[in-house]
Amino acid sequence: MNGLTRYLLGRLAGLLGVLLVTSFVVFATVHLAPGDPVSFLLHGRPATPETVAALRAEHHLDDPLAVQYATWLGDALRGDLGRSAQYHQDVATLLGTRLGGTLLLVGYAALLVTVGGVGLGVLAALRPGVVDRLVLIGTGIATATPSFVSAIALVSLFSVNLGWFPGPGGTPEGLADRLHHLTLPAVALATTFAGLLARVTRSAMLDELGREHVDVARARGVARRTVVRRHVLRNGLGPVVTVGGTMLAGLLVTTSIVETAFDVPGLGSLLVQSVTAKDFAVVQAVTLLSVAAFVLVNLAVDLLAPLIDPRLSLLTHGEGTS
């Protein structure tokens, strides 16, 4: 078995371990939270003792926590994620209806983060002085601004005052209209991450600009644009890709604030609503999906980084995990 295979098997085993531990922690946290789950299932309606007993038996609420978890885990391994008590749908079906909106929002935000973050970082590194200081000030403000503050400011300016974009809610028709509705949420979601990526890109570019082989290329009369493209930008992409991948994973797990603020029907807003309603099955499924996406994105970044920067050895990582 070679180093790459060992590395992949080790990471996949780690993924399964993380999902198992996370599933139990979330399961225990939700089930031990204050409040009687039956009251949430009844939505405040009066019920006879027989009805209450039937609900508790149906959802295994009288079983010990470990037994409840084992029952849920066995069903989940068979593809049965349970049924939403709030929406009266199978959880898998419910997630399918919400997943597309979240993926479109995250993809839009990731594009803004990549273009804006890398572009500003490169600009700051290649334009020392006023431009560099302005980028540092702007990205500093961006990284310090929470998503919900950005959301409020964007709605107030571009939706309420200028009327360029629709406000929260609404029913878009077609892809172009959906993108129009998602522009402000994507900007609110991307702002902090774009500021961070710009600073990482600037630092990586400045580090590469100061290396000896760059000075040698300049002394040989190689055009500045060629030096930047072949030596500086290419070699500086390693840390940028690594941090950018982590940020993409972060986008996946931080959509709840933005989706709730803009009333976007995605997984993030579904998670918030399900936690409030104590909809155990949905909370468990959305959380596990988010954790799995986070770990898989990081695995993809680890596999991609050596292809971009040959100085990073995937086999070294594999030997470190053995």
Protein backbone atom coordinates (compact mmCIF):
# COMPACT_ATOMS: atom_id res chain seq x y z
CA MET A 1 0.00 0.00 0.00
CA ASN A 2 1.59 3.30 -1.10
CA GLY A 3 1.66 6.59 0.80
CA LEU A 4 -1.22 8.14 -1.14
CA THR A 5 -3.54 5.21 -0.45
CA ARG A 6 -2.64 5.19 3.25
CA TYR A 7 -3.22 8.93 3.41
CA LEU A 8 -6.66 8.72 1.77
CA LEU A 9 -7.75 5.80 3.94
CA GLY A 10 -6.57 7.60 7.04
CA ARG A 11 -8.46 10.76 6.14
CA LEU A 12 -11.63 8.83 5.31
CA ALA A 13 -11.40 6.97 8.62
CA GLY A 14 -10.96 10.32 10.33
CA LEU A 15 -14.05 11.64 8.53
CA LEU A 16 -16.14 8.72 9.75
CA GLY A 17 -14.85 9.21 13.28
CA VAL A 18 -15.64 12.92 13.23
CA LEU A 19 -19.16 12.25 11.92
CA LEU A 20 -19.77 9.60 14.57
CA VAL A 21 -18.62 11.81 17.45
CA THR A 22 -20.44 14.85 16.06
CA SER A 23 -23.67 12.92 15.61
CA PHE A 24 -23.63 11.76 19.22
CA VAL A 25 -22.76 15.21 20.61
CA VAL A 26 -25.52 16.90 18.60
CA PHE A 27 -27.99 14.16 19.42
CA ALA A 28 -27.28 14.41 23.14
CA THR A 29 -27.29 18.23 23.15
CA VAL A 30 -30.64 18.52 21.40
CA HIS A 31 -32.32 15.79 23.45
CA LEU A 32 -31.03 17.12 26.77
CA ALA A 33 -32.04 20.71 26.05
CA PRO A 34 -34.74 22.20 28.33
CA GLY A 35 -38.34 21.59 27.35
CA ASP A 36 -40.50 18.56 26.71
CA PRO A 37 -40.18 17.32 23.13
CA VAL A 38 -43.82 16.20 23.18
CA SER A 39 -44.99 19.78 23.63
CA PHE A 40 -43.14 20.75 20.45
CA LEU A 41 -44.63 17.80 18.61
CA LEU A 42 -48.12 18.84 19.68
CA HIS A 43 -47.51 22.53 18.87
CA GLY A 44 -49.31 23.52 22.06
CA ARG A 45 -52.50 21.61 21.25
CA PRO A 46 -54.20 19.80 24.15
CA ALA A 47 -53.82 16.04 24.10
CA THR A 48 -55.04 13.09 26.09
CA PRO A 49 -52.58 11.02 28.13
CA GLU A 50 -53.00 8.23 25.60
CA THR A 51 -51.92 10.54 22.75
CA VAL A 52 -48.91 11.75 24.71
CA ALA A 53 -47.91 8.16 25.50
CA ALA A 54 -48.27 7.19 21.85
CA LEU A 55 -46.05 10.08 20.72
CA ARG A 56 -43.40 9.21 23.28
CA ALA A 57 -43.45 5.59 22.16
CA GLU A 58 -43.34 6.52 18.46
CA HIS A 59 -40.26 8.72 18.94
CA HIS A 60 -38.63 6.41 21.54
CA LEU A 61 -38.56 9.27 24.07
CA ASP A 62 -38.88 6.93 27.06
CA ASP A 63 -35.79 4.94 26.08
CA PRO A 64 -32.37 5.79 27.58
CA LEU A 65 -30.35 8.30 25.57
CA ALA A 66 -27.87 5.67 24.40
CA VAL A 67 -30.70 3.47 23.13
CA GLN A 68 -32.31 6.42 21.35
CA TYR A 69 -29.01 7.26 19.68
CA ALA A 70 -28.39 3.66 18.64
CA THR A 71 -31.88 3.50 17.11
CA TRP A 72 -31.31 6.73 15.19
CA LEU A 73 -27.86 5.65 14.01
CA GLY A 74 -29.15 2.31 12.76
CA ASP A 75 -31.91 4.02 10.79
CA ALA A 76 -29.48 6.61 9.40
CA LEU A 77 -27.10 3.92 8.14
CA ARG A 78 -30.05 2.46 6.21
CA GLY A 79 -30.72 5.88 4.64
CA ASP A 80 -33.65 6.76 6.91
CA LEU A 81 -32.95 10.17 8.47
CA GLY A 82 -36.33 10.29 10.13
CA ARG A 83 -39.35 12.52 9.66
CA SER A 84 -39.59 16.21 10.41
CA ALA A 85 -42.06 16.91 13.21
CA GLN A 86 -42.32 20.53 12.07
CA TYR A 87 -42.81 20.06 8.32
CA HIS A 88 -44.29 16.55 8.34
CA GLN A 89 -41.91 15.40 5.60
CA ASP A 90 -39.12 12.88 5.35
CA VAL A 91 -35.91 14.65 6.37
CA ALA A 92 -34.06 13.51 3.24
CA THR A 93 -36.79 14.99 1.02
CA LEU A 94 -36.82 18.21 3.03
CA LEU A 95 -33.06 18.59 2.75
CA GLY A 96 -33.26 18.00 -0.99
CA THR A 97 -35.66 20.92 -1.43
CA ARG A 98 -33.38 23.27 0.54
CA LEU A 99 -29.94 22.11 -0.60
CA GLY A 100 -30.04 23.80 -4.01
CA GLY A 101 -30.60 27.27 -2.55
CA THR A 102 -27.70 26.92 -0.13
CA LEU A 103 -25.31 25.56 -2.77
CA LEU A 104 -26.17 28.41 -5.15
CA LEU A 105 -25.65 30.99 -2.40
CA VAL A 106 -22.34 29.44 -1.28
CA GLY A 107 -21.12 29.12 -4.87
CA TYR A 108 -21.97 32.78 -5.57
CA ALA A 109 -20.25 33.89 -2.36
CA ALA A 110 -17.21 31.69 -3.08
CA LEU A 111 -16.83 33.34 -6.49
CA LEU A 112 -16.93 36.78 -4.87
CA VAL A 113 -14.42 35.71 -2.22
CA THR A 114 -12.02 34.30 -4.82
CA VAL A 115 -12.19 37.19 -7.28
CA GLY A 116 -12.31 39.93 -4.66
CA GLY A 117 -9.87 38.42 -2.17
CA VAL A 118 -7.18 37.28 -4.60
CA GLY A 119 -7.58 40.36 -6.78
CA LEU A 120 -7.22 42.82 -3.92
CA GLY A 121 -4.34 40.86 -2.41
CA VAL A 122 -2.39 40.86 -5.67
CA LEU A 123 -3.15 44.55 -6.21
CA ALA A 124 -1.90 45.46 -2.72
CA ALA A 125 1.31 43.46 -3.13
CA LEU A 126 2.15 44.94 -6.53
CA ARG A 127 1.17 48.51 -5.67
CA PRO A 128 2.98 49.47 -2.45
CA GLY A 129 2.15 52.82 -0.96
CA VAL A 130 -1.29 54.40 -1.13
CA VAL A 131 -3.03 51.49 -2.87
CA ASP A 132 -1.57 48.98 -0.43
CA ARG A 133 -2.66 51.06 2.58
CA LEU A 134 -6.17 51.53 1.19
CA VAL A 135 -6.54 47.79 0.62
CA LEU A 136 -5.31 47.06 4.14
CA ILE A 137 -7.77 49.53 5.63
CA GLY A 138 -10.65 48.19 3.55
CA THR A 139 -9.92 44.55 4.27
CA GLY A 140 -9.43 45.33 7.95
CA ILE A 141 -12.93 46.80 8.08
CA ALA A 142 -14.32 43.85 6.12
CA THR A 143 -12.82 41.23 8.41
CA ALA A 144 -14.10 43.04 11.51
CA THR A 145 -17.68 43.34 10.23
CA PRO A 146 -20.03 40.48 11.24
CA SER A 147 -22.27 39.03 8.54
CA PHE A 148 -25.49 40.22 10.15
CA VAL A 149 -24.16 43.81 10.26
CA SER A 150 -23.24 43.59 6.58
CA ALA A 151 -26.70 42.21 5.84
CA ILE A 152 -28.45 45.11 7.60
CA ALA A 153 -26.26 47.70 5.89
CA LEU A 154 -26.68 46.15 2.44
CA VAL A 155 -30.47 45.93 2.72
CA SER A 156 -30.72 49.48 4.01
CA LEU A 157 -28.56 50.95 1.24
CA PHE A 158 -29.16 48.87 -1.88
CA SER A 159 -32.68 47.60 -1.25
CA VAL A 160 -34.51 50.23 0.79
CA ASN A 161 -32.78 53.45 -0.28
CA LEU A 162 -31.58 52.74 -3.82
CA GLY A 163 -33.98 49.94 -4.77
CA TRP A 164 -31.36 48.17 -6.88
CA PHE A 165 -31.95 44.76 -5.33
CA PRO A 166 -35.01 43.08 -3.80
CA GLY A 167 -35.28 42.87 -0.04
CA PRO A 168 -35.61 39.73 2.04
CA GLY A 169 -38.17 37.19 0.90
CA GLY A 170 -39.80 37.10 -2.50
CA THR A 171 -40.15 34.28 -5.01
CA PRO A 172 -37.57 34.52 -7.81
CA GLU A 173 -38.31 33.02 -11.21
CA GLY A 174 -35.49 31.62 -13.32
CA LEU A 175 -31.75 31.51 -12.67
CA ALA A 176 -31.07 35.17 -13.48
CA ASP A 177 -33.77 36.34 -11.07
CA ARG A 178 -32.49 33.97 -8.37
CA LEU A 179 -28.97 35.35 -8.76
CA HIS A 180 -30.38 38.87 -8.53
CA HIS A 181 -32.13 37.96 -5.27
CA LEU A 182 -29.00 36.26 -3.95
CA THR A 183 -26.57 39.09 -4.72
CA LEU A 184 -26.93 40.93 -1.42
CA PRO A 185 -26.89 37.71 0.66
CA ALA A 186 -23.79 36.53 -1.22
CA VAL A 187 -22.00 39.84 -0.64
CA ALA A 188 -22.92 39.77 3.07
CA LEU A 189 -21.64 36.20 3.34
CA ALA A 190 -18.46 36.86 1.36
CA THR A 191 -17.32 40.17 2.89
CA THR A 192 -15.40 38.85 5.90
CA PHE A 193 -13.88 35.92 4.01
CA ALA A 194 -12.82 38.11 1.08
CA GLY A 195 -11.02 40.47 3.46
CA LEU A 196 -9.16 37.59 5.09
CA LEU A 197 -8.20 36.01 1.76
CA ALA A 198 -6.96 39.36 0.45
CA ARG A 199 -4.59 39.67 3.39
CA VAL A 200 -3.34 36.10 3.00
CA THR A 201 -2.79 36.65 -0.74
CA ARG A 202 -0.93 39.91 -0.12
CA SER A 203 1.34 38.25 2.44
CA ALA A 204 2.07 35.28 0.15
CA MET A 205 2.82 37.56 -2.80
CA LEU A 206 5.16 39.78 -0.79
CA ASP A 207 6.97 36.71 0.50
CA GLU A 208 7.53 35.43 -3.02
CA LEU A 209 8.53 38.86 -4.34
CA GLY A 210 11.40 38.90 -1.85
CA ARG A 211 12.86 35.54 -2.86
CA GLU A 212 16.25 35.23 -4.53
CA HIS A 213 15.08 33.56 -7.74
CA VAL A 214 12.71 36.48 -8.36
CA ASP A 215 15.59 38.92 -8.02
CA VAL A 216 17.66 36.80 -10.42
CA ALA A 217 14.84 36.78 -12.99
CA ARG A 218 14.53 40.54 -12.75
CA ALA A 219 18.30 40.97 -13.12
CA ARG A 220 18.22 38.84 -16.27
CA GLY A 221 15.75 41.29 -17.79
CA VAL A 222 12.66 39.07 -17.66
CA ALA A 223 9.51 41.16 -18.08
CA ARG A 224 7.84 42.09 -14.79
CA ARG A 225 4.51 40.60 -15.90
CA THR A 226 6.21 37.29 -16.69
CA VAL A 227 8.03 37.25 -13.36
CA VAL A 228 4.80 37.88 -11.49
CA ARG A 229 2.85 35.24 -13.42
CA ARG A 230 5.43 32.45 -13.53
CA HIS A 231 7.33 32.86 -10.29
CA VAL A 232 5.42 35.01 -7.83
CA LEU A 233 1.77 34.21 -8.39
CA ARG A 234 2.23 30.50 -9.09
CA ASN A 235 4.45 29.86 -6.07
CA GLY A 236 2.27 32.01 -3.85
CA LEU A 237 -0.92 30.11 -4.68
CA GLY A 238 -0.14 27.27 -2.24
CA PRO A 239 -1.12 29.05 1.00
CA VAL A 240 -3.86 30.95 -0.82
CA VAL A 241 -5.52 27.72 -1.96
CA THR A 242 -5.14 26.15 1.47
CA VAL A 243 -6.70 29.10 3.29
CA GLY A 244 -9.27 29.59 0.54
CA GLY A 245 -10.42 26.00 0.87
CA THR A 246 -10.85 26.41 4.60
CA MET A 247 -12.87 29.56 3.93
CA LEU A 248 -15.08 27.69 1.47
CA ALA A 249 -15.78 25.15 4.18
CA GLY A 250 -16.49 28.05 6.50
CA LEU A 251 -19.01 29.46 4.03
CA LEU A 252 -20.87 26.15 4.10
CA VAL A 253 -21.30 26.20 7.86
CA THR A 254 -21.99 29.93 8.35
CA THR A 255 -24.90 30.44 6.00
CA SER A 256 -27.52 30.32 8.75
CA ILE A 257 -27.12 33.98 9.76
CA VAL A 258 -27.31 35.30 6.21
CA GLU A 259 -30.11 32.98 5.10
CA THR A 260 -32.15 33.95 8.14
CA ALA A 261 -31.50 37.67 7.64
CA PHE A 262 -32.51 37.57 3.97
CA ASP A 263 -35.19 34.89 4.33
CA VAL A 264 -33.38 32.56 1.92
CA PRO A 265 -34.97 29.08 1.94
CA GLY A 266 -31.77 27.11 2.46
CA LEU A 267 -30.24 24.67 4.90
CA GLY A 268 -28.98 27.41 7.21
CA SER A 269 -32.37 28.97 7.81
CA LEU A 270 -33.87 25.48 8.08
CA LEU A 271 -31.38 24.67 10.85
CA VAL A 272 -32.29 27.80 12.82
CA GLN A 273 -36.02 27.08 12.50
CA SER A 274 -35.52 23.44 13.47
CA VAL A 275 -33.48 24.30 16.56
CA THR A 276 -36.22 26.70 17.68
CA ALA A 277 -38.89 24.05 17.08
CA LYS A 278 -36.71 21.32 18.59
CA ASP A 279 -37.09 19.29 15.42
CA PHE A 280 -34.51 16.67 16.37
CA ALA A 281 -34.28 14.78 13.10
CA VAL A 282 -33.70 17.88 10.97
CA VAL A 283 -31.14 19.42 13.34
CA GLN A 284 -29.18 16.18 13.38
CA ALA A 285 -29.22 15.76 9.61
CA VAL A 286 -28.29 19.35 8.73
CA THR A 287 -25.47 19.41 11.29
CA LEU A 288 -23.97 16.15 10.03
CA LEU A 289 -24.24 17.32 6.42
CA SER A 290 -22.41 20.54 7.30
CA VAL A 291 -19.64 18.72 9.17
CA ALA A 292 -19.23 16.20 6.33
CA ALA A 293 -18.99 19.02 3.77
CA PHE A 294 -16.42 20.83 5.92
CA VAL A 295 -14.18 17.76 6.23
CA LEU A 296 -14.53 16.79 2.55
CA VAL A 297 -13.63 20.28 1.36
CA ASN A 298 -10.52 20.27 3.53
CA LEU A 299 -9.59 16.84 2.16
CA ALA A 300 -9.99 18.15 -1.40
CA VAL A 301 -7.74 21.10 -0.57
CA ASP A 302 -5.07 18.78 0.83
CA LEU A 303 -5.16 16.78 -2.41
CA LEU A 304 -5.13 19.86 -4.64
CA ALA A 305 -2.38 21.85 -2.90
CA PRO A 306 0.57 19.64 -4.05
CA LEU A 307 -0.66 19.91 -7.66
CA ILE A 308 -0.50 23.69 -7.45
CA ASP A 309 2.71 23.92 -5.43
CA PRO A 310 5.03 20.93 -6.08
CA ARG A 311 7.03 21.85 -2.98
CA LEU A 312 4.19 20.44 -0.90
CA SER A 313 4.49 16.66 -0.76
CA LEU A 314 1.28 14.66 -0.38
CA LEU A 315 3.34 11.62 0.56
CA THR A 316 4.87 13.55 3.44
CA HIS A 317 1.36 14.19 4.74
CA GLY A 318 0.59 10.52 4.33
CA GLU A 319 3.66 9.47 6.29
CA GLY A 320 2.74 11.95 9.02
CA THR A 321 -0.65 10.33 9.52
CA SER A 322 0.70 6.78 9.75
